[in-house]
């Protein structure tokens, strides 16, 4: 049965506007009409004693009409870098499947095979208005494994999956250096980490050439996993905090023609002009964490604004479970406190992560033809007092 959302303030075409109606058919948005092309002054939020959006659904003929008067209507937010489901809430180390810590090069391992769909964090994501997340292995190994993209729905990973294999995790800097240095193994330096990544990318290039020949016989699982990366079919997701590590990641990406996304990008503001010249894609954060290790000494909420001003495509992340995933909108609000305008603050957790993930034809905005991932808030989403009242994923109410 079609859904028709009526009234309220909708985030449409990059700003809040007064909604006339928004119609959903077969899991997609089929039409959006506005009361005016100009943003009007918002109406007062209804008190707790008044009906919530849960109670405002009224079947009319062959449609369900949802009264959003006094509410804020937004696309589902996207966290483009998490470890959700790999370390189930409340179990910690007992259930940690984030890092294959002794493998050095493990492109064959898949986050997809370890996600627990009953992780309470998926419900927390919905309560924070998040309807899509990328899930990645950790950063212990120079080449850490395969990332996937999911929605917080269903009993099995197959039901939740958007992309089973969306990228390969690479890691630079402190984490692999510390892990293998402590084991008294190679690599124990940044030089060694970069060398390991280059070595295996070269092996993958040679393997691909052999695979196309007549004499190819035996498959090798690690190199098979790297073929989509060097062919540009999946992204290189590079864990890099320091400016110099970011530049090393970019250098290697240029050498092997990789589709690079910088994850964390803590010191990106220090090389903003360089990243802007490269039209870099970056997923910044977790911004609400402390400066708890040397690589975070220059962490600032200004990074997002600086990189956007330089022309980069930028998203925010909680790096869940480093930060609770529900705090994604709070991170965006903190960026506003530090000078980012509100409209772009919403885009860095909706439209821009969809672009980075290559899902902008499907997610990140409330426009005709896109997935009906719709979140109803009782107040402005960047006000920490506001609450998610209802969540629809592909037109189905899930909260």
Protein backbone atom coordinates (compact mmCIF):
# COMPACT_ATOMS: atom_id res chain seq x y z
CA UNK A 1 0.00 0.00 0.00
CA UNK A 2 1.50 3.42 -0.95
CA UNK A 3 2.60 5.73 1.85
CA UNK A 4 1.98 9.48 1.75
CA UNK A 5 3.96 11.67 4.15
CA UNK A 6 2.26 15.03 4.69
CA UNK A 7 3.42 18.36 6.13
CA UNK A 8 6.49 18.90 8.30
CA UNK A 9 9.96 20.20 7.40
CA UNK A 10 11.69 18.00 4.83
CA UNK A 11 15.41 18.09 4.02
CA UNK A 12 15.08 18.36 0.25
CA UNK A 13 17.64 19.48 -2.34
CA UNK A 14 20.12 20.42 0.34
CA UNK A 15 17.95 22.46 2.71
CA UNK A 16 14.88 22.29 4.92
CA UNK A 17 11.62 23.13 3.17
CA UNK A 18 7.94 22.82 4.01
CA UNK A 19 6.62 19.49 2.75
CA UNK A 20 3.35 19.20 0.91
CA UNK A 21 3.39 15.44 0.29
CA UNK A 22 5.96 12.73 -0.32
CA UNK A 23 4.71 9.48 -1.80
CA UNK A 24 6.34 6.06 -1.47
CA UNK A 25 5.57 3.14 -3.77
CA UNK A 26 7.22 -0.29 -3.79
CA UNK A 27 10.00 0.78 -1.46
CA UNK A 28 11.01 3.89 -3.42
CA UNK A 29 10.09 7.56 -3.37
CA UNK A 30 7.78 8.25 -6.28
CA UNK A 31 6.98 11.92 -5.75
CA UNK A 32 7.89 14.91 -3.56
CA UNK A 33 5.90 18.15 -3.59
CA UNK A 34 6.57 21.24 -1.49
CA UNK A 35 4.24 23.86 -0.04
CA UNK A 36 6.63 26.53 -1.32
CA UNK A 37 10.07 26.72 -2.89
CA UNK A 38 11.09 28.95 0.00
CA UNK A 39 12.00 27.70 3.46
CA UNK A 40 9.32 28.78 5.91
CA UNK A 41 9.63 29.31 9.61
CA UNK A 42 9.32 25.95 11.35
CA UNK A 43 6.27 25.15 13.42
CA UNK A 44 6.54 24.40 17.10
CA UNK A 45 7.32 20.81 17.97
CA UNK A 46 4.40 18.91 19.45
CA UNK A 47 4.55 18.13 23.14
CA UNK A 48 4.96 14.62 24.47
CA UNK A 49 1.24 14.54 25.23
CA UNK A 50 0.36 14.98 21.57
CA UNK A 51 0.34 12.17 19.03
CA UNK A 52 3.68 10.95 17.69
CA UNK A 53 4.23 10.00 14.06
CA UNK A 54 3.55 6.40 15.07
CA UNK A 55 -0.07 7.37 15.80
CA UNK A 56 -0.51 9.63 12.81
CA UNK A 57 -0.67 6.86 10.21
CA UNK A 58 -4.18 6.77 8.80
CA UNK A 59 -5.29 4.52 5.93
CA UNK A 60 -7.24 6.49 3.33
CA UNK A 61 -8.61 4.49 0.44
CA UNK A 62 -5.64 2.61 -0.97
CA UNK A 63 -3.03 4.85 0.68
CA UNK A 64 -1.60 5.27 4.17
CA UNK A 65 -1.28 8.94 5.07
CA UNK A 66 1.32 9.91 7.66
CA UNK A 67 0.87 13.29 9.30
CA UNK A 68 4.30 14.85 9.97
CA UNK A 69 3.07 18.26 11.06
CA UNK A 70 5.66 19.80 13.41
CA UNK A 71 8.21 17.08 12.58
CA UNK A 72 11.47 16.94 10.62
CA UNK A 73 11.71 14.47 7.75
CA UNK A 74 15.17 13.37 6.64
CA UNK A 75 16.87 10.69 4.58
CA UNK A 76 18.32 7.85 6.61
CA UNK A 77 21.81 8.76 7.75
CA UNK A 78 24.85 6.78 6.57
CA UNK A 79 27.92 5.85 8.60
CA UNK A 80 30.54 5.04 5.99
CA UNK A 81 33.06 3.36 8.34
CA UNK A 82 32.05 1.04 11.22
CA UNK A 83 32.81 -2.33 12.77
CA UNK A 84 29.19 -2.88 13.78
CA UNK A 85 28.25 -6.52 14.31
CA UNK A 86 31.89 -7.66 14.39
CA UNK A 87 32.19 -7.06 18.13
CA UNK A 88 28.76 -7.55 19.64
CA UNK A 89 27.66 -5.03 22.26
CA UNK A 90 27.96 -6.34 25.81
CA UNK A 91 30.42 -9.11 24.94
CA UNK A 92 33.55 -7.17 23.98
CA UNK A 93 36.72 -9.23 23.49
CA UNK A 94 34.79 -12.47 23.92
CA UNK A 95 33.05 -11.83 20.63
CA UNK A 96 35.68 -9.75 18.82
CA UNK A 97 36.00 -10.69 15.15
CA UNK A 98 37.38 -7.34 14.01
CA UNK A 99 41.05 -8.22 13.43
CA UNK A 100 42.76 -11.38 12.14
CA UNK A 101 45.76 -10.24 14.14
CA UNK A 102 48.50 -12.63 13.08
CA UNK A 103 47.93 -12.87 9.36
CA UNK A 104 49.84 -9.78 8.13
CA UNK A 105 48.11 -9.85 4.72
CA UNK A 106 44.50 -11.07 4.86
CA UNK A 107 42.51 -9.72 1.88
CA UNK A 108 40.58 -13.00 1.78
CA UNK A 109 38.78 -12.47 5.12
CA UNK A 110 35.36 -10.86 4.89
CA UNK A 111 33.49 -8.74 7.40
CA UNK A 112 30.39 -10.20 5.76
CA UNK A 113 31.15 -13.63 7.25
CA UNK A 114 31.39 -12.41 10.86
CA UNK A 115 28.57 -9.88 11.34
CA UNK A 116 26.11 -10.77 14.09
CA UNK A 117 22.71 -9.40 13.11
CA UNK A 118 21.46 -9.59 16.70
CA UNK A 119 24.00 -6.99 17.84
CA UNK A 120 22.05 -4.41 19.89
CA UNK A 121 24.00 -1.70 18.06
CA UNK A 122 21.77 -2.16 15.00
CA UNK A 123 18.79 -0.98 17.08
CA UNK A 124 20.92 1.89 18.39
CA UNK A 125 21.68 2.84 14.78
CA UNK A 126 17.97 3.11 14.02
CA UNK A 127 17.45 5.23 17.14
CA UNK A 128 20.10 7.57 15.75
CA UNK A 129 18.39 7.78 12.36
CA UNK A 130 21.06 5.64 10.64
CA UNK A 131 19.81 3.30 7.95
CA UNK A 132 23.02 2.33 6.14
CA UNK A 133 26.53 1.52 7.33
CA UNK A 134 29.76 0.25 5.87
CA UNK A 135 31.33 -2.56 7.92
CA UNK A 136 35.08 -3.08 7.74
CA UNK A 137 37.68 -5.31 9.39
CA UNK A 138 40.08 -3.57 11.75
CA UNK A 139 43.42 -1.91 11.10
CA UNK A 140 45.90 -4.35 12.63
CA UNK A 141 47.15 -5.69 9.28
CA UNK A 142 48.58 -3.71 6.34
CA UNK A 143 45.94 -5.47 4.22
CA UNK A 144 43.09 -6.36 6.53
CA UNK A 145 40.19 -7.79 4.55
CA UNK A 146 36.98 -7.09 2.68
CA UNK A 147 34.38 -4.47 3.61
CA UNK A 148 30.64 -4.67 3.03
CA UNK A 149 27.65 -2.32 3.15
CA UNK A 150 24.47 -3.19 5.04
CA UNK A 151 21.20 -1.82 6.35
CA UNK A 152 20.09 -2.58 9.95
CA UNK A 153 17.25 -4.90 8.98
CA UNK A 154 16.54 -8.61 8.82
CA UNK A 155 17.61 -11.71 10.71
CA UNK A 156 20.43 -12.65 8.34
CA UNK A 157 23.25 -10.74 6.71
CA UNK A 158 21.80 -11.63 3.30
CA UNK A 159 18.64 -9.67 4.14
CA UNK A 160 20.67 -6.69 5.35
CA UNK A 161 23.22 -6.62 2.54
CA UNK A 162 23.55 -3.84 -0.02
CA UNK A 163 27.02 -4.83 -1.21
CA UNK A 164 28.72 -8.01 -0.07
CA UNK A 165 32.16 -6.84 -1.23
CA UNK A 166 32.66 -3.09 -1.50
CA UNK A 167 36.36 -2.62 -0.81
CA UNK A 168 39.64 -3.82 0.68
CA UNK A 169 40.87 -2.46 4.00
CA UNK A 170 44.44 -1.12 4.01
CA UNK A 171 46.15 0.25 7.12
CA UNK A 172 49.00 2.70 7.53
CA UNK A 173 50.79 4.13 10.53
CA UNK A 174 50.61 3.26 14.19
CA UNK A 175 48.41 0.15 14.29
CA UNK A 176 50.28 -2.34 12.05
CA UNK A 177 53.62 -0.83 13.18
CA UNK A 178 52.76 -1.48 16.84
CA UNK A 179 51.16 -4.90 16.34
CA UNK A 180 53.99 -6.48 14.38
CA UNK A 181 56.71 -4.57 16.22
CA UNK A 182 55.41 -6.02 19.50
CA UNK A 183 55.59 -9.48 17.92
CA UNK A 184 59.17 -8.67 16.79
CA UNK A 185 58.10 -9.33 13.22
CA UNK A 186 58.22 -7.44 9.94
CA UNK A 187 56.92 -4.79 9.42
CA UNK A 188 57.81 -2.72 12.46
CA UNK A 189 58.06 0.61 10.62
CA UNK A 190 55.99 2.72 8.26
CA UNK A 191 58.50 1.83 5.55
CA UNK A 192 57.77 -1.84 6.08
CA UNK A 193 54.01 -1.39 6.07
CA UNK A 194 54.08 0.45 2.73
CA UNK A 195 56.42 -2.20 1.32
CA UNK A 196 54.06 -5.04 2.31
CA UNK A 197 51.11 -3.34 0.60
CA UNK A 198 53.13 -2.70 -2.57
CA UNK A 199 54.46 -6.27 -2.61
CA UNK A 200 51.00 -7.81 -2.57
CA UNK A 201 49.55 -5.40 -5.08
CA UNK A 202 52.41 -6.30 -7.42
CA UNK A 203 51.74 -10.00 -6.82
CA UNK A 204 48.07 -9.42 -7.65
CA UNK A 205 49.01 -7.71 -10.93
CA UNK A 206 51.26 -10.64 -11.90
CA UNK A 207 48.63 -13.17 -10.82
CA UNK A 208 45.99 -11.47 -12.97
CA UNK A 209 48.25 -11.69 -16.02
CA UNK A 210 48.83 -15.41 -15.38
CA UNK A 211 45.13 -16.00 -14.84
CA UNK A 212 44.38 -14.64 -18.29
CA UNK A 213 46.91 -17.04 -19.86
CA UNK A 214 46.43 -20.61 -21.08
CA UNK A 215 48.67 -22.21 -18.47
CA UNK A 216 46.79 -20.94 -15.42
CA UNK A 217 45.80 -23.83 -13.15
CA UNK A 218 45.58 -23.16 -9.41
CA UNK A 219 43.72 -20.32 -7.75
CA UNK A 220 45.16 -18.45 -4.75
CA UNK A 221 42.53 -17.01 -2.42
CA UNK A 222 44.49 -13.94 -1.28
CA UNK A 223 45.31 -12.87 -4.81
CA UNK A 224 41.81 -13.62 -6.06
CA UNK A 225 40.53 -11.19 -3.40
CA UNK A 226 42.90 -8.45 -4.60
CA UNK A 227 41.92 -8.67 -8.28
CA UNK A 228 38.75 -6.51 -7.93
CA UNK A 229 40.88 -3.90 -6.13
CA UNK A 230 43.52 -3.55 -8.83
CA UNK A 231 40.81 -3.64 -11.52
CA UNK A 232 39.07 -0.69 -9.86
CA UNK A 233 35.87 -2.61 -9.14
CA UNK A 234 36.08 -2.05 -5.38
CA UNK A 235 37.60 0.71 -3.28
CA UNK A 236 40.86 0.86 -1.36
CA UNK A 237 39.75 1.87 2.14
CA UNK A 238 42.92 3.24 3.70
CA UNK A 239 43.15 3.68 7.47
CA UNK A 240 45.40 6.75 7.85
CA UNK A 241 45.52 9.40 10.57
CA UNK A 242 48.77 11.34 10.13
CA UNK A 243 49.24 13.70 7.19
CA UNK A 244 52.30 11.75 6.05
CA UNK A 245 50.44 8.42 6.17
CA UNK A 246 47.61 9.95 4.14
CA UNK A 247 50.10 11.04 1.50
CA UNK A 248 51.73 7.60 1.45
CA UNK A 249 48.31 6.01 0.91
CA UNK A 250 47.64 8.42 -1.95
CA UNK A 251 51.06 7.71 -3.47
CA UNK A 252 50.42 3.96 -3.53
CA UNK A 253 46.92 4.51 -4.91
CA UNK A 254 48.44 6.51 -7.78
CA UNK A 255 51.04 3.82 -8.47
CA UNK A 256 48.40 1.09 -8.77
CA UNK A 257 45.47 3.20 -10.03
CA UNK A 258 43.31 2.43 -6.98
CA UNK A 259 39.96 4.02 -6.13
CA UNK A 260 41.05 5.46 -2.78
CA UNK A 261 39.02 6.51 0.26
CA UNK A 262 40.92 7.84 3.28
CA UNK A 263 39.40 6.57 6.52
CA UNK A 264 39.85 8.70 9.68
CA UNK A 265 41.94 11.41 7.94
CA UNK A 266 42.63 12.98 11.34
CA UNK A 267 45.30 15.37 10.06
CA UNK A 268 43.61 16.01 6.74
CA UNK A 269 43.19 19.69 7.60
CA UNK A 270 46.98 20.03 7.65
CA UNK A 271 47.17 19.04 3.98
CA UNK A 272 43.79 20.38 2.90
CA UNK A 273 45.04 22.07 -0.26
CA UNK A 274 46.79 18.89 -1.42
CA UNK A 275 43.72 16.76 -0.75
CA UNK A 276 41.55 19.32 -2.50
CA UNK A 277 43.81 19.26 -5.54
CA UNK A 278 43.48 15.47 -5.62
CA UNK A 279 39.65 15.66 -5.17
CA UNK A 280 40.10 13.27 -2.29
CA UNK A 281 37.36 11.20 -0.69
CA UNK A 282 37.61 11.04 3.10
CA UNK A 283 35.58 9.55 5.95
CA UNK A 284 36.61 11.62 8.98
CA UNK A 285 36.43 10.54 12.60
CA UNK A 286 35.66 9.45 15.20
CA UNK A 287 35.49 13.12 16.14
CA UNK A 288 34.01 12.69 19.62
CA UNK A 289 36.83 10.48 20.88
CA UNK A 290 39.68 11.84 22.98
CA UNK A 291 43.23 12.29 21.69
CA UNK A 292 44.01 8.88 23.15
CA UNK A 293 47.03 7.94 21.05
CA UNK A 294 49.87 9.81 19.33
CA UNK A 295 48.23 9.84 15.89
CA UNK A 296 45.27 11.81 17.31
CA UNK A 297 47.25 14.67 18.81
CA UNK A 298 46.04 17.08 16.09
CA UNK A 299 42.41 15.91 16.07
CA UNK A 300 39.97 18.78 15.57
CA UNK A 301 36.34 19.32 14.61
CA UNK A 302 37.59 21.75 11.93
CA UNK A 303 38.80 18.95 9.61
CA UNK A 304 35.41 18.42 7.96
CA UNK A 305 34.94 22.12 7.19
CA UNK A 306 38.48 22.61 5.89
CA UNK A 307 38.28 19.63 3.53
CA UNK A 308 34.83 20.57 2.23
CA UNK A 309 36.03 24.11 1.57
CA UNK A 310 38.92 22.66 -0.46
CA UNK A 311 36.54 20.67 -2.66
CA UNK A 312 36.92 17.19 -1.14
CA UNK A 313 34.02 14.76 -0.76
CA UNK A 314 33.79 14.19 2.99
CA UNK A 315 31.70 12.14 5.41
CA UNK A 316 31.64 11.71 9.18
CA UNK A 317 32.02 8.41 11.03
CA UNK A 318 31.58 7.14 14.58
CA UNK A 319 33.97 4.24 13.91
CA UNK A 320 31.54 2.20 16.02
CA UNK A 321 32.22 0.73 18.58
CA UNK A 322 34.93 3.35 19.19
CA UNK A 323 32.01 5.75 19.54
CA UNK A 324 28.36 4.68 19.91
CA UNK A 325 26.83 4.67 16.44
CA UNK A 326 23.81 6.59 17.70
CA UNK A 327 26.13 9.61 18.20
CA UNK A 328 26.63 10.25 14.47
CA UNK A 329 24.26 13.24 14.46
CA UNK A 330 25.93 14.55 17.63
CA UNK A 331 29.28 14.49 15.80
CA UNK A 332 27.72 16.55 13.01
CA UNK A 333 26.33 18.99 15.57
CA UNK A 334 29.79 19.44 17.08
CA UNK A 335 31.12 20.35 13.64
CA UNK A 336 28.45 23.06 13.48
CA UNK A 337 29.65 24.36 16.85
CA UNK A 338 33.09 24.67 15.25
CA UNK A 339 31.95 26.62 12.20
CA UNK A 340 30.36 24.21 9.71
CA UNK A 341 26.98 25.33 8.36
CA UNK A 342 23.98 23.17 9.28
CA UNK A 343 23.06 22.13 5.75
CA UNK A 344 26.51 20.71 5.02
CA UNK A 345 26.60 19.10 8.47
CA UNK A 346 23.54 17.07 7.47
CA UNK A 347 25.03 16.27 4.07
CA UNK A 348 28.20 14.77 5.61
CA UNK A 349 26.02 12.10 7.24
CA UNK A 350 23.64 11.56 4.32
CA UNK A 351 24.35 12.73 0.77
CA UNK A 352 28.15 12.77 0.86
CA UNK A 353 28.70 9.29 2.35
CA UNK A 354 26.32 7.95 -0.31
CA UNK A 355 28.58 9.55 -2.94
CA UNK A 356 31.70 8.09 -1.33
CA UNK A 357 30.17 4.61 -1.23
CA UNK A 358 29.00 4.87 -4.84
CA UNK A 359 25.36 4.63 -3.77
CA UNK A 360 24.22 8.15 -4.61
CA UNK A 361 21.75 6.85 -7.23
CA UNK A 362 20.00 4.99 -4.45
CA UNK A 363 20.64 6.58 -1.03
CA UNK A 364 21.41 9.80 0.81
CA UNK A 365 18.58 12.07 -0.38
CA UNK A 366 14.81 12.22 -0.44
CA UNK A 367 14.21 12.38 -4.16
CA UNK A 368 12.16 10.57 -6.77
CA UNK A 369 13.44 7.10 -7.59
CA UNK A 370 15.64 6.69 -4.50
CA UNK A 371 15.17 4.17 -1.69
CA UNK A 372 12.46 5.22 0.75
CA UNK A 373 14.83 5.28 3.74
CA UNK A 374 13.00 7.96 5.70
CA UNK A 375 13.44 9.13 9.30
CA UNK A 376 10.95 11.23 11.23
CA UNK A 377 12.45 13.38 14.00
CA UNK A 378 10.46 15.31 16.63
CA UNK A 379 12.89 18.24 16.37
CA UNK A 380 15.91 19.45 14.42
CA UNK A 381 18.25 16.45 14.01
CA UNK A 382 21.32 18.46 15.08
CA UNK A 383 19.68 19.36 18.40
CA UNK A 384 20.84 16.67 20.83
CA UNK A 385 17.45 16.85 22.57
CA UNK A 386 15.64 15.70 19.41
CA UNK A 387 14.44 12.13 19.14
CA UNK A 388 13.79 9.78 16.25
CA UNK A 389 10.10 8.92 16.25
CA UNK A 390 9.90 6.59 13.26
CA UNK A 391 12.20 4.96 10.71
CA UNK A 392 11.21 3.54 7.33
CA UNK A 393 13.65 1.44 5.32
CA UNK A 394 12.61 0.93 1.71
CA UNK A 395 9.12 2.00 2.72
CA UNK A 396 8.78 -0.49 5.56
CA UNK A 397 8.44 0.82 9.10
CA UNK A 398 11.24 -0.67 11.23
CA UNK A 399 11.10 1.63 14.27
